[in-house]
PDB file of N, CA and C in Angstrom:
ATOM      1  N   MET A   1       3.122  -4.467  14.782  1.00  0.00           N
ATOM      2  CA  MET A   1       1.988  -4.695  15.628  1.00  0.00           C
ATOM      3  C   MET A   1       1.732  -3.470  16.485  1.00  0.00           C
ATOM      4  N   GLY A   2       0.492  -3.262  16.838  1.00  0.00           N
ATOM      5  CA  GLY A   2       0.132  -2.132  17.671  1.00  0.00           C
ATOM      6  C   GLY A   2       0.350  -2.445  19.131  1.00  0.00           C
ATOM      7  N   LYS A   3       0.617  -1.408  19.931  1.00  0.00           N
ATOM      8  CA  LYS A   3       0.815  -1.588  21.363  1.00  0.00           C
ATOM      9  C   LYS A   3      -0.462  -1.243  22.102  1.00  0.00           C
ATOM     10  N   SER A   4      -0.799  -2.047  23.099  1.00  0.00           N
ATOM     11  CA  SER A   4      -1.944  -1.761  23.940  1.00  0.00           C
ATOM     12  C   SER A   4      -1.536  -0.766  25.011  1.00  0.00           C
ATOM     13  N   GLU A   5      -2.463  -0.386  25.869  1.00  0.00           N
ATOM     14  CA  GLU A   5      -2.177   0.610  26.905  1.00  0.00           C
ATOM     15  C   GLU A   5      -1.079   0.164  27.848  1.00  0.00           C
ATOM     16  N   ASN A   6      -0.947  -1.148  28.091  1.00  0.00           N
ATOM     17  CA  ASN A   6       0.094  -1.629  29.000  1.00  0.00           C
ATOM     18  C   ASN A   6       1.426  -1.867  28.294  1.00  0.00           C
ATOM     19  N   GLY A   7       1.514  -1.513  27.015  1.00  0.00           N
ATOM     20  CA  GLY A   7       2.766  -1.622  26.271  1.00  0.00           C
ATOM     21  C   GLY A   7       2.943  -2.933  25.533  1.00  0.00           C
ATOM     22  N   ALA A   8       2.040  -3.908  25.736  1.00  0.00           N
ATOM     23  CA  ALA A   8       2.134  -5.189  25.046  1.00  0.00           C
ATOM     24  C   ALA A   8       1.609  -5.051  23.623  1.00  0.00           C
ATOM     25  N   PHE A   9       2.107  -5.886  22.728  1.00  0.00           N
ATOM     26  CA  PHE A   9       1.626  -5.867  21.354  1.00  0.00           C
ATOM     27  C   PHE A   9       0.274  -6.554  21.284  1.00  0.00           C
ATOM     28  N   SER A  10      -0.611  -6.025  20.435  1.00  0.00           N
ATOM     29  CA  SER A  10      -1.944  -6.611  20.319  1.00  0.00           C
ATOM     30  C   SER A  10      -2.333  -6.728  18.851  1.00  0.00           C
ATOM     31  N   THR A  11      -3.088  -7.788  18.552  1.00  0.00           N
ATOM     32  CA  THR A  11      -3.613  -8.013  17.209  1.00  0.00           C
ATOM     33  C   THR A  11      -5.071  -8.405  17.348  1.00  0.00           C
ATOM     34  N   ASN A  12      -5.942  -7.734  16.602  1.00  0.00           N
ATOM     35  CA  ASN A  12      -7.348  -8.115  16.550  1.00  0.00           C
ATOM     36  C   ASN A  12      -7.474  -9.315  15.633  1.00  0.00           C
ATOM     37  N   LEU A  13      -8.387 -10.237  15.944  1.00  0.00           N
ATOM     38  CA  LEU A  13      -8.526 -11.456  15.174  1.00  0.00           C
ATOM     39  C   LEU A  13      -9.992 -11.727  14.871  1.00  0.00           C
ATOM     40  N   ILE A  14     -10.281 -11.927  13.582  1.00  0.00           N
ATOM     41  CA  ILE A  14     -11.598 -12.387  13.155  1.00  0.00           C
ATOM     42  C   ILE A  14     -11.379 -13.832  12.715  1.00  0.00           C
ATOM     43  N   THR A  15     -11.850 -14.768  13.522  1.00  0.00           N
ATOM     44  CA  THR A  15     -11.542 -16.170  13.295  1.00  0.00           C
ATOM     45  C   THR A  15     -12.393 -16.787  12.189  1.00  0.00           C
ATOM     46  N   SER A  16     -11.942 -17.927  11.702  1.00  0.00           N
ATOM     47  CA  SER A  16     -12.670 -18.684  10.694  1.00  0.00           C
ATOM     48  C   SER A  16     -14.040 -19.052  11.256  1.00  0.00           C
ATOM     49  N   GLY A  17     -15.065 -18.915  10.439  1.00  0.00           N
ATOM     50  CA  GLY A  17     -16.425 -19.178  10.875  1.00  0.00           C
ATOM     51  C   GLY A  17     -17.168 -17.928  11.325  1.00  0.00           C
ATOM     52  N   THR A  18     -16.448 -16.807  11.461  1.00  0.00           N
ATOM     53  CA  THR A  18     -17.059 -15.533  11.848  1.00  0.00           C
ATOM     54  C   THR A  18     -17.387 -14.733  10.598  1.00  0.00           C
ATOM     55  N   VAL A  19     -18.596 -14.159  10.553  1.00  0.00           N
ATOM     56  CA  VAL A  19     -19.020 -13.314   9.439  1.00  0.00           C
ATOM     57  C   VAL A  19     -19.389 -11.950   9.998  1.00  0.00           C
ATOM     58  N   ILE A  20     -18.766 -10.898   9.457  1.00  0.00           N
ATOM     59  CA  ILE A  20     -19.054  -9.529   9.884  1.00  0.00           C
ATOM     60  C   ILE A  20     -19.528  -8.738   8.680  1.00  0.00           C
ATOM     61  N   ASN A  21     -20.668  -8.074   8.833  1.00  0.00           N
ATOM     62  CA  ASN A  21     -21.199  -7.163   7.823  1.00  0.00           C
ATOM     63  C   ASN A  21     -21.137  -5.760   8.399  1.00  0.00           C
ATOM     64  N   GLY A  22     -20.224  -4.928   7.889  1.00  0.00           N
ATOM     65  CA  GLY A  22     -20.076  -3.572   8.394  1.00  0.00           C
ATOM     66  C   GLY A  22     -18.632  -3.132   8.319  1.00  0.00           C
ATOM     67  N   ASP A  23     -18.402  -1.874   8.657  1.00  0.00           N
ATOM     68  CA  ASP A  23     -17.062  -1.296   8.587  1.00  0.00           C
ATOM     69  C   ASP A  23     -16.331  -1.468   9.909  1.00  0.00           C
ATOM     70  N   ILE A  24     -15.003  -1.622   9.829  1.00  0.00           N
ATOM     71  CA  ILE A  24     -14.160  -1.774  11.011  1.00  0.00           C
ATOM     72  C   ILE A  24     -13.046  -0.744  10.954  1.00  0.00           C
ATOM     73  N   THR A  25     -12.789  -0.091  12.094  1.00  0.00           N
ATOM     74  CA  THR A  25     -11.661   0.826  12.243  1.00  0.00           C
ATOM     75  C   THR A  25     -10.892   0.406  13.487  1.00  0.00           C
ATOM     76  N   CYS A  26      -9.557   0.281  13.370  1.00  0.00           N
ATOM     77  CA  CYS A  26      -8.770  -0.085  14.548  1.00  0.00           C
ATOM     78  C   CYS A  26      -7.417   0.619  14.520  1.00  0.00           C
ATOM     79  N   ASP A  27      -6.849   0.762  15.716  1.00  0.00           N
ATOM     80  CA  ASP A  27      -5.556   1.437  15.867  1.00  0.00           C
ATOM     81  C   ASP A  27      -4.386   0.459  15.857  1.00  0.00           C
ATOM     82  N   SER A  28      -4.661  -0.830  15.793  1.00  0.00           N
ATOM     83  CA  SER A  28      -3.592  -1.822  15.863  1.00  0.00           C
ATOM     84  C   SER A  28      -3.609  -2.718  14.627  1.00  0.00           C
ATOM     85  N   ASP A  29      -3.003  -3.874  14.737  1.00  0.00           N
ATOM     86  CA  ASP A  29      -2.964  -4.851  13.654  1.00  0.00           C
ATOM     87  C   ASP A  29      -4.236  -5.684  13.663  1.00  0.00           C
ATOM     88  N   MET A  30      -4.519  -6.342  12.538  1.00  0.00           N
ATOM     89  CA  MET A  30      -5.691  -7.204  12.456  1.00  0.00           C
ATOM     90  C   MET A  30      -5.407  -8.381  11.544  1.00  0.00           C
ATOM     91  N   ARG A  31      -5.921  -9.553  11.948  1.00  0.00           N
ATOM     92  CA  ARG A  31      -5.858 -10.750  11.119  1.00  0.00           C
ATOM     93  C   ARG A  31      -7.277 -11.211  10.872  1.00  0.00           C
ATOM     94  N   ILE A  32      -7.583 -11.492   9.591  1.00  0.00           N
ATOM     95  CA  ILE A  32      -8.917 -11.921   9.207  1.00  0.00           C
ATOM     96  C   ILE A  32      -8.830 -13.330   8.634  1.00  0.00           C
ATOM     97  N   ASP A  33      -9.430 -14.278   9.350  1.00  0.00           N
ATOM     98  CA  ASP A  33      -9.539 -15.644   8.859  1.00  0.00           C
ATOM     99  C   ASP A  33     -10.995 -15.976   8.554  1.00  0.00           C
ATOM    100  N   GLY A  34     -11.906 -15.059   8.878  1.00  0.00           N
ATOM    101  CA  GLY A  34     -13.326 -15.217   8.608  1.00  0.00           C
ATOM    102  C   GLY A  34     -13.739 -14.391   7.399  1.00  0.00           C
ATOM    103  N   VAL A  35     -15.001 -13.932   7.408  1.00  0.00           N
ATOM    104  CA  VAL A  35     -15.562 -13.177   6.287  1.00  0.00           C
ATOM    105  C   VAL A  35     -15.901 -11.774   6.753  1.00  0.00           C
ATOM    106  N   LEU A  36     -15.472 -10.775   5.977  1.00  0.00           N
ATOM    107  CA  LEU A  36     -15.808  -9.378   6.235  1.00  0.00           C
ATOM    108  C   LEU A  36     -16.417  -8.782   4.974  1.00  0.00           C
ATOM    109  N   SER A  37     -17.645  -8.301   5.101  1.00  0.00           N
ATOM    110  CA  SER A  37     -18.286  -7.539   4.021  1.00  0.00           C
ATOM    111  C   SER A  37     -18.398  -6.114   4.518  1.00  0.00           C
ATOM    112  N   GLY A  38     -17.428  -5.310   4.150  1.00  0.00           N
ATOM    113  CA  GLY A  38     -17.374  -3.927   4.612  1.00  0.00           C
ATOM    114  C   GLY A  38     -15.967  -3.398   4.456  1.00  0.00           C
ATOM    115  N   ASN A  39     -15.767  -2.176   4.893  1.00  0.00           N
ATOM    116  CA  ASN A  39     -14.473  -1.514   4.765  1.00  0.00           C
ATOM    117  C   ASN A  39     -13.676  -1.681   6.050  1.00  0.00           C
ATOM    118  N   LEU A  40     -12.359  -1.814   5.907  1.00  0.00           N
ATOM    119  CA  LEU A  40     -11.466  -1.999   7.043  1.00  0.00           C
ATOM    120  C   LEU A  40     -10.362  -0.957   6.988  1.00  0.00           C
ATOM    121  N   THR A  41     -10.241  -0.187   8.062  1.00  0.00           N
ATOM    122  CA  THR A  41      -9.191   0.825   8.169  1.00  0.00           C
ATOM    123  C   THR A  41      -8.400   0.536   9.434  1.00  0.00           C
ATOM    124  N   ALA A  42      -7.076   0.394   9.291  1.00  0.00           N
ATOM    125  CA  ALA A  42      -6.225   0.098  10.438  1.00  0.00           C
ATOM    126  C   ALA A  42      -4.938   0.904  10.338  1.00  0.00           C
ATOM    127  N   LYS A  43      -4.388   1.254  11.508  1.00  0.00           N
ATOM    128  CA  LYS A  43      -3.124   1.987  11.531  1.00  0.00           C
ATOM    129  C   LYS A  43      -1.938   1.047  11.402  1.00  0.00           C
ATOM    130  N   GLY A  44      -2.153  -0.235  11.639  1.00  0.00           N
ATOM    131  CA  GLY A  44      -1.074  -1.209  11.598  1.00  0.00           C
ATOM    132  C   GLY A  44      -1.127  -2.087  10.366  1.00  0.00           C
ATOM    133  N   LYS A  45      -0.815  -3.372  10.583  1.00  0.00           N
ATOM    134  CA  LYS A  45      -0.744  -4.360   9.507  1.00  0.00           C
ATOM    135  C   LYS A  45      -2.022  -5.187   9.477  1.00  0.00           C
ATOM    136  N   ILE A  46      -2.475  -5.490   8.266  1.00  0.00           N
ATOM    137  CA  ILE A  46      -3.632  -6.359   8.060  1.00  0.00           C
ATOM    138  C   ILE A  46      -3.140  -7.645   7.412  1.00  0.00           C
ATOM    139  N   VAL A  47      -3.586  -8.780   7.943  1.00  0.00           N
ATOM    140  CA  VAL A  47      -3.313 -10.072   7.333  1.00  0.00           C
ATOM    141  C   VAL A  47      -4.658 -10.715   7.023  1.00  0.00           C
ATOM    142  N   VAL A  48      -4.854 -11.060   5.747  1.00  0.00           N
ATOM    143  CA  VAL A  48      -6.033 -11.822   5.335  1.00  0.00           C
ATOM    144  C   VAL A  48      -5.541 -13.253   5.172  1.00  0.00           C
ATOM    145  N   GLY A  49      -5.910 -14.116   6.130  1.00  0.00           N
ATOM    146  CA  GLY A  49      -5.449 -15.501   6.142  1.00  0.00           C
ATOM    147  C   GLY A  49      -6.027 -16.312   4.994  1.00  0.00           C
ATOM    148  N   LYS A  50      -5.570 -17.552   4.861  1.00  0.00           N
ATOM    149  CA  LYS A  50      -5.989 -18.422   3.762  1.00  0.00           C
ATOM    150  C   LYS A  50      -7.501 -18.612   3.713  1.00  0.00           C
ATOM    151  N   THR A  51      -8.168 -18.637   4.865  1.00  0.00           N
ATOM    152  CA  THR A  51      -9.621 -18.801   4.902  1.00  0.00           C
ATOM    153  C   THR A  51     -10.332 -17.452   4.936  1.00  0.00           C
ATOM    154  N   GLY A  52      -9.577 -16.359   4.928  1.00  0.00           N
ATOM    155  CA  GLY A  52     -10.157 -15.021   4.970  1.00  0.00           C
ATOM    156  C   GLY A  52     -10.778 -14.609   3.652  1.00  0.00           C
ATOM    157  N   ASP A  53     -11.885 -13.856   3.745  1.00  0.00           N
ATOM    158  CA  ASP A  53     -12.595 -13.384   2.558  1.00  0.00           C
ATOM    159  C   ASP A  53     -13.108 -11.976   2.852  1.00  0.00           C
ATOM    160  N   VAL A  54     -12.569 -10.986   2.153  1.00  0.00           N
ATOM    161  CA  VAL A  54     -12.949  -9.594   2.375  1.00  0.00           C
ATOM    162  C   VAL A  54     -13.568  -9.033   1.101  1.00  0.00           C
ATOM    163  N   LYS A  55     -14.745  -8.435   1.267  1.00  0.00           N
ATOM    164  CA  LYS A  55     -15.405  -7.738   0.166  1.00  0.00           C
ATOM    165  C   LYS A  55     -15.579  -6.294   0.620  1.00  0.00           C
ATOM    166  N   GLY A  56     -14.713  -5.412   0.138  1.00  0.00           N
ATOM    167  CA  GLY A  56     -14.737  -4.018   0.549  1.00  0.00           C
ATOM    168  C   GLY A  56     -13.357  -3.410   0.426  1.00  0.00           C
ATOM    169  N   GLU A  57     -13.209  -2.212   0.981  1.00  0.00           N
ATOM    170  CA  GLU A  57     -11.933  -1.492   0.910  1.00  0.00           C
ATOM    171  C   GLU A  57     -11.098  -1.746   2.150  1.00  0.00           C
ATOM    172  N   ILE A  58      -9.790  -1.905   1.940  1.00  0.00           N
ATOM    173  CA  ILE A  58      -8.844  -2.032   3.044  1.00  0.00           C
ATOM    174  C   ILE A  58      -7.852  -0.893   2.943  1.00  0.00           C
ATOM    175  N   THR A  59      -7.657  -0.183   4.057  1.00  0.00           N
ATOM    176  CA  THR A  59      -6.677   0.894   4.136  1.00  0.00           C
ATOM    177  C   THR A  59      -5.814   0.630   5.364  1.00  0.00           C
ATOM    178  N   CYS A  60      -4.478   0.536   5.169  1.00  0.00           N
ATOM    179  CA  CYS A  60      -3.596   0.242   6.295  1.00  0.00           C
ATOM    180  C   CYS A  60      -2.140   0.554   5.939  1.00  0.00           C
ATOM    181  N   GLN A  61      -1.244   0.292   6.894  1.00  0.00           N
ATOM    182  CA  GLN A  61       0.187   0.531   6.700  1.00  0.00           C
ATOM    183  C   GLN A  61       0.812  -0.561   5.830  1.00  0.00           C
ATOM    184  N   ASN A  62       0.620  -1.828   6.209  1.00  0.00           N
ATOM    185  CA  ASN A  62       1.137  -2.989   5.485  1.00  0.00           C
ATOM    186  C   ASN A  62       0.037  -4.031   5.401  1.00  0.00           C
ATOM    187  N   CYS A  63       0.095  -4.890   4.374  1.00  0.00           N
ATOM    188  CA  CYS A  63      -0.954  -5.892   4.202  1.00  0.00           C
ATOM    189  C   CYS A  63      -0.382  -7.148   3.566  1.00  0.00           C
ATOM    190  N   ASP A  64      -0.719  -8.317   4.150  1.00  0.00           N
ATOM    191  CA  ASP A  64      -0.412  -9.620   3.573  1.00  0.00           C
ATOM    192  C   ASP A  64      -1.731 -10.278   3.219  1.00  0.00           C
ATOM    193  N   VAL A  65      -1.878 -10.699   1.966  1.00  0.00           N
ATOM    194  CA  VAL A  65      -3.104 -11.368   1.539  1.00  0.00           C
ATOM    195  C   VAL A  65      -2.759 -12.808   1.173  1.00  0.00           C
ATOM    196  N   GLU A  66      -3.374 -13.743   1.907  1.00  0.00           N
ATOM    197  CA  GLU A  66      -3.242 -15.170   1.627  1.00  0.00           C
ATOM    198  C   GLU A  66      -4.569 -15.722   1.123  1.00  0.00           C
ATOM    199  N   GLY A  67      -5.670 -15.052   1.446  1.00  0.00           N
ATOM    200  CA  GLY A  67      -7.014 -15.494   1.094  1.00  0.00           C
ATOM    201  C   GLY A  67      -7.578 -14.701  -0.068  1.00  0.00           C
ATOM    202  N   SER A  68      -8.858 -14.325   0.051  1.00  0.00           N
ATOM    203  CA  SER A  68      -9.579 -13.685  -1.039  1.00  0.00           C
ATOM    204  C   SER A  68      -9.963 -12.255  -0.674  1.00  0.00           C
ATOM    205  N   VAL A  69      -9.688 -11.315  -1.574  1.00  0.00           N
ATOM    206  CA  VAL A  69     -10.085  -9.919  -1.390  1.00  0.00           C
ATOM    207  C   VAL A  69     -10.710  -9.436  -2.695  1.00  0.00           C
ATOM    208  N   ASN A  70     -11.879  -8.807  -2.568  1.00  0.00           N
ATOM    209  CA  ASN A  70     -12.574  -8.220  -3.706  1.00  0.00           C
ATOM    210  C   ASN A  70     -12.891  -6.783  -3.327  1.00  0.00           C
ATOM    211  N   GLY A  71     -12.126  -5.825  -3.859  1.00  0.00           N
ATOM    212  CA  GLY A  71     -12.331  -4.424  -3.501  1.00  0.00           C
ATOM    213  C   GLY A  71     -11.119  -3.583  -3.819  1.00  0.00           C
ATOM    214  N   LYS A  72     -10.913  -2.562  -3.014  1.00  0.00           N
ATOM    215  CA  LYS A  72      -9.805  -1.631  -3.220  1.00  0.00           C
ATOM    216  C   LYS A  72      -8.855  -1.715  -2.035  1.00  0.00           C
ATOM    217  N   LEU A  73      -7.549  -1.790  -2.333  1.00  0.00           N
ATOM    218  CA  LEU A  73      -6.522  -1.801  -1.299  1.00  0.00           C
ATOM    219  C   LEU A  73      -5.720  -0.510  -1.386  1.00  0.00           C
ATOM    220  N   THR A  74      -5.655   0.230  -0.289  1.00  0.00           N
ATOM    221  CA  THR A  74      -4.806   1.413  -0.196  1.00  0.00           C
ATOM    222  C   THR A  74      -3.808   1.134   0.925  1.00  0.00           C
ATOM    223  N   ILE A  75      -2.569   0.846   0.530  1.00  0.00           N
ATOM    224  CA  ILE A  75      -1.542   0.413   1.466  1.00  0.00           C
ATOM    225  C   ILE A  75      -0.426   1.456   1.465  1.00  0.00           C
ATOM    226  N   LYS A  76      -0.091   1.988   2.642  1.00  0.00           N
ATOM    227  CA  LYS A  76       0.908   3.054   2.732  1.00  0.00           C
ATOM    228  C   LYS A  76       2.327   2.571   2.479  1.00  0.00           C
ATOM    229  N   ASP A  77       2.621   1.304   2.791  1.00  0.00           N
ATOM    230  CA  ASP A  77       3.986   0.820   2.624  1.00  0.00           C
ATOM    231  C   ASP A  77       4.029  -0.415   1.720  1.00  0.00           C
ATOM    232  N   LEU A  78       3.889  -1.630   2.276  1.00  0.00           N
ATOM    233  CA  LEU A  78       4.107  -2.863   1.515  1.00  0.00           C
ATOM    234  C   LEU A  78       2.852  -3.723   1.452  1.00  0.00           C
ATOM    235  N   LEU A  79       2.482  -4.125   0.243  1.00  0.00           N
ATOM    236  CA  LEU A  79       1.421  -5.102   0.013  1.00  0.00           C
ATOM    237  C   LEU A  79       2.061  -6.381  -0.502  1.00  0.00           C
ATOM    238  N   SER A  80       1.760  -7.501   0.162  1.00  0.00           N
ATOM    239  CA  SER A  80       2.261  -8.803  -0.264  1.00  0.00           C
ATOM    240  C   SER A  80       1.080  -9.689  -0.629  1.00  0.00           C
ATOM    241  N   LEU A  81       1.036 -10.128  -1.892  1.00  0.00           N
ATOM    242  CA  LEU A  81       0.046 -11.098  -2.334  1.00  0.00           C
ATOM    243  C   LEU A  81       0.741 -12.455  -2.333  1.00  0.00           C
ATOM    244  N   ARG A  82       0.359 -13.306  -1.379  1.00  0.00           N
ATOM    245  CA  ARG A  82       0.982 -14.618  -1.223  1.00  0.00           C
ATOM    246  C   ARG A  82       0.496 -15.573  -2.312  1.00  0.00           C
ATOM    247  N   ALA A  83       1.113 -16.730  -2.433  1.00  0.00           N
ATOM    248  CA  ALA A  83       0.827 -17.686  -3.505  1.00  0.00           C
ATOM    249  C   ALA A  83      -0.634 -18.139  -3.513  1.00  0.00           C
ATOM    250  N   THR A  84      -1.303 -18.119  -2.363  1.00  0.00           N
ATOM    251  CA  THR A  84      -2.692 -18.570  -2.269  1.00  0.00           C
ATOM    252  C   THR A  84      -3.694 -17.428  -2.418  1.00  0.00           C
ATOM    253  N   ALA A  85      -3.215 -16.208  -2.644  1.00  0.00           N
ATOM    254  CA  ALA A  85      -4.090 -15.027  -2.705  1.00  0.00           C
ATOM    255  C   ALA A  85      -4.919 -14.990  -3.978  1.00  0.00           C
ATOM    256  N   LYS A  86      -6.161 -14.490  -3.819  1.00  0.00           N
ATOM    257  CA  LYS A  86      -7.046 -14.222  -4.956  1.00  0.00           C
ATOM    258  C   LYS A  86      -7.551 -12.799  -4.770  1.00  0.00           C
ATOM    259  N   PHE A  87      -7.100 -11.885  -5.630  1.00  0.00           N
ATOM    260  CA  PHE A  87      -7.453 -10.480  -5.493  1.00  0.00           C
ATOM    261  C   PHE A  87      -8.120  -9.967  -6.761  1.00  0.00           C
ATOM    262  N   LEU A  88      -9.234  -9.275  -6.582  1.00  0.00           N
ATOM    263  CA  LEU A  88      -9.949  -8.634  -7.683  1.00  0.00           C
ATOM    264  C   LEU A  88     -10.240  -7.209  -7.258  1.00  0.00           C
ATOM    265  N   GLY A  89      -9.678  -6.232  -7.973  1.00  0.00           N
ATOM    266  CA  GLY A  89      -9.939  -4.837  -7.620  1.00  0.00           C
ATOM    267  C   GLY A  89      -8.786  -3.926  -7.969  1.00  0.00           C
ATOM    268  N   ASP A  90      -8.698  -2.836  -7.223  1.00  0.00           N
ATOM    269  CA  ASP A  90      -7.696  -1.802  -7.462  1.00  0.00           C
ATOM    270  C   ASP A  90      -6.736  -1.705  -6.288  1.00  0.00           C
ATOM    271  N   ILE A  91      -5.466  -1.462  -6.616  1.00  0.00           N
ATOM    272  CA  ILE A  91      -4.418  -1.351  -5.603  1.00  0.00           C
ATOM    273  C   ILE A  91      -3.747   0.005  -5.718  1.00  0.00           C
ATOM    274  N   ILE A  92      -3.544   0.648  -4.571  1.00  0.00           N
ATOM    275  CA  ILE A  92      -2.676   1.819  -4.463  1.00  0.00           C
ATOM    276  C   ILE A  92      -1.690   1.487  -3.344  1.00  0.00           C
ATOM    277  N   THR A  93      -0.404   1.459  -3.660  1.00  0.00           N
ATOM    278  CA  THR A  93       0.607   1.097  -2.674  1.00  0.00           C
ATOM    279  C   THR A  93       1.945   1.725  -3.032  1.00  0.00           C
ATOM    280  N   THR A  94       2.893   1.659  -2.103  1.00  0.00           N
ATOM    281  CA  THR A  94       4.243   2.127  -2.362  1.00  0.00           C
ATOM    282  C   THR A  94       5.122   0.975  -2.850  1.00  0.00           C
ATOM    283  N   LYS A  95       4.955  -0.214  -2.210  1.00  0.00           N
ATOM    284  CA  LYS A  95       5.732  -1.394  -2.577  1.00  0.00           C
ATOM    285  C   LYS A  95       4.776  -2.563  -2.768  1.00  0.00           C
ATOM    286  N   LEU A  96       5.073  -3.426  -3.746  1.00  0.00           N
ATOM    287  CA  LEU A  96       4.206  -4.555  -4.060  1.00  0.00           C
ATOM    288  C   LEU A  96       5.045  -5.811  -4.278  1.00  0.00           C
ATOM    289  N   ALA A  97       4.651  -6.908  -3.598  1.00  0.00           N
ATOM    290  CA  ALA A  97       5.297  -8.205  -3.787  1.00  0.00           C
ATOM    291  C   ALA A  97       4.210  -9.212  -4.143  1.00  0.00           C
ATOM    292  N   ILE A  98       4.385  -9.912  -5.273  1.00  0.00           N
ATOM    293  CA  ILE A  98       3.411 -10.913  -5.707  1.00  0.00           C
ATOM    294  C   ILE A  98       4.140 -12.242  -5.876  1.00  0.00           C
ATOM    295  N   GLU A  99       3.731 -13.241  -5.083  1.00  0.00           N
ATOM    296  CA  GLU A  99       4.346 -14.563  -5.177  1.00  0.00           C
ATOM    297  C   GLU A  99       3.757 -15.330  -6.359  1.00  0.00           C
ATOM    298  N   PRO A 100       4.543 -16.223  -6.964  1.00  0.00           N
ATOM    299  CA  PRO A 100       4.011 -17.067  -8.030  1.00  0.00           C
ATOM    300  C   PRO A 100       2.818 -17.874  -7.518  1.00  0.00           C
ATOM    301  N   GLY A 101       1.761 -17.917  -8.307  1.00  0.00           N
ATOM    302  CA  GLY A 101       0.552 -18.626  -7.920  1.00  0.00           C
ATOM    303  C   GLY A 101      -0.568 -17.691  -7.490  1.00  0.00           C
ATOM    304  N   ALA A 102      -0.220 -16.473  -7.079  1.00  0.00           N
ATOM    305  CA  ALA A 102      -1.238 -15.503  -6.683  1.00  0.00           C
ATOM    306  C   ALA A 102      -2.058 -15.087  -7.902  1.00  0.00           C
ATOM    307  N   ILE A 103      -3.348 -14.836  -7.674  1.00  0.00           N
ATOM    308  CA  ILE A 103      -4.229 -14.376  -8.743  1.00  0.00           C
ATOM    309  C   ILE A 103      -4.539 -12.910  -8.489  1.00  0.00           C
ATOM    310  N   PHE A 104      -4.191 -12.044  -9.452  1.00  0.00           N
ATOM    311  CA  PHE A 104      -4.415 -10.598  -9.327  1.00  0.00           C
ATOM    312  C   PHE A 104      -5.095 -10.115 -10.596  1.00  0.00           C
ATOM    313  N   THR A 105      -6.327  -9.631 -10.448  1.00  0.00           N
ATOM    314  CA  THR A 105      -7.063  -9.069 -11.569  1.00  0.00           C
ATOM    315  C   THR A 105      -7.505  -7.670 -11.172  1.00  0.00           C
ATOM    316  N   GLY A 106      -7.003  -6.670 -11.877  1.00  0.00           N
ATOM    317  CA  GLY A 106      -7.361  -5.297 -11.550  1.00  0.00           C
ATOM    318  C   GLY A 106      -6.283  -4.328 -11.976  1.00  0.00           C
ATOM    319  N   THR A 107      -6.236  -3.192 -11.282  1.00  0.00           N
ATOM    320  CA  THR A 107      -5.246  -2.162 -11.593  1.00  0.00           C
ATOM    321  C   THR A 107      -4.377  -1.900 -10.383  1.00  0.00           C
ATOM    322  N   CYS A 108      -3.189  -1.367 -10.648  1.00  0.00           N
ATOM    323  CA  CYS A 108      -2.268  -1.030  -9.573  1.00  0.00           C
ATOM    324  C   CYS A 108      -1.624   0.315  -9.867  1.00  0.00           C
ATOM    325  N   LYS A 109      -1.644   1.194  -8.872  1.00  0.00           N
ATOM    326  CA  LYS A 109      -0.953   2.476  -8.979  1.00  0.00           C
ATOM    327  C   LYS A 109       0.047   2.552  -7.837  1.00  0.00           C
ATOM    328  N   MET A 110       1.293   2.804  -8.202  1.00  0.00           N
ATOM    329  CA  MET A 110       2.344   2.912  -7.203  1.00  0.00           C
ATOM    330  C   MET A 110       2.456   4.364  -6.764  1.00  0.00           C
ATOM    331  N   ASN A 111       2.423   4.592  -5.443  1.00  0.00           N
ATOM    332  CA  ASN A 111       2.593   5.945  -4.918  1.00  0.00           C
ATOM    333  C   ASN A 111       3.961   6.470  -5.321  1.00  0.00           C
ATOM    334  N   GLY A 112       4.029   7.748  -5.622  1.00  0.00           N
ATOM    335  CA  GLY A 112       5.275   8.342  -6.048  1.00  0.00           C
ATOM    336  C   GLY A 112       5.533   8.171  -7.526  1.00  0.00           C
ATOM    337  N   GLU A 113       4.634   7.442  -8.186  1.00  0.00           N
ATOM    338  CA  GLU A 113       4.769   7.230  -9.624  1.00  0.00           C
ATOM    339  C   GLU A 113       4.449   8.524 -10.358  1.00  0.00           C
ATOM    340  N   LYS A 114       5.315   8.915 -11.253  1.00  0.00           N
ATOM    341  CA  LYS A 114       5.053  10.112 -12.033  1.00  0.00           C
ATOM    342  C   LYS A 114       4.076   9.772 -13.138  1.00  0.00           C
ATOM    343  N   ASP A 115       3.205  10.692 -13.439  1.00  0.00           N
ATOM    344  CA  ASP A 115       2.249  10.448 -14.514  1.00  0.00           C
ATOM    345  C   ASP A 115       2.989  10.281 -15.827  1.00  0.00           C
ATOM    346  N   ALA A 116       2.783   9.143 -16.433  1.00  0.00           N
ATOM    347  CA  ALA A 116       3.428   8.852 -17.718  1.00  0.00           C
ATOM    348  C   ALA A 116       2.555   9.398 -18.844  1.00  0.00           C
ATOM    349  N   THR A 117       3.171  10.106 -19.719  1.00  0.00           N
ATOM    350  CA  THR A 117       2.438  10.630 -20.877  1.00  0.00           C
ATOM    351  C   THR A 117       3.155  10.185 -22.126  1.00  0.00           C
ATOM    352  N   VAL A 118       2.404   9.944 -23.154  1.00  0.00           N
ATOM    353  CA  VAL A 118       2.959   9.539 -24.429  1.00  0.00           C
ATOM    354  C   VAL A 118       2.980  10.742 -25.351  1.00  0.00           C
ATOM    355  N   GLU A 119       4.162  11.036 -25.867  1.00  0.00           N
ATOM    356  CA  GLU A 119       4.252  12.166 -26.805  1.00  0.00           C
ATOM    357  C   GLU A 119       3.899  11.696 -28.198  1.00  0.00           C
ATOM    358  N   LYS A 120       3.062  12.478 -28.846  1.00  0.00           N
ATOM    359  CA  LYS A 120       2.712  12.185 -30.238  1.00  0.00           C
ATOM    360  C   LYS A 120       3.574  13.068 -31.122  1.00  0.00           C
ATOM    361  N   LYS A 121       4.164  12.467 -32.142  1.00  0.00           N
ATOM    362  CA  LYS A 121       5.034  13.238 -33.045  1.00  0.00           C
ATOM    363  C   LYS A 121       4.397  13.357 -34.371  1.00  0.00           C
TER     364      LYS A 121
END
């Protein structure tokens, strides 16, 4: 979690029933239980709750997806797709955890992965 100016931990929250059209940038953590149509960039952790629905790109340190994401995820450390997650798009991450029941349709590239080439003989 990100620290506020007084040293306390802070998390931004987009509650269920809230719809945002546009890009968001924040220095702390964020939880989305509403709808976001746009790109989200955060220095901390992003949680897309069960009622959360994101259409756009997410870039952050860590990410837990319980709801729906349609777009590109660029995660510097750990991406967790929970059992209720529905993801359609492309993933770039260092670590990936997918629980049974999660729906993942798209591509995934692991950072640090060496380019694999097939030798023809």
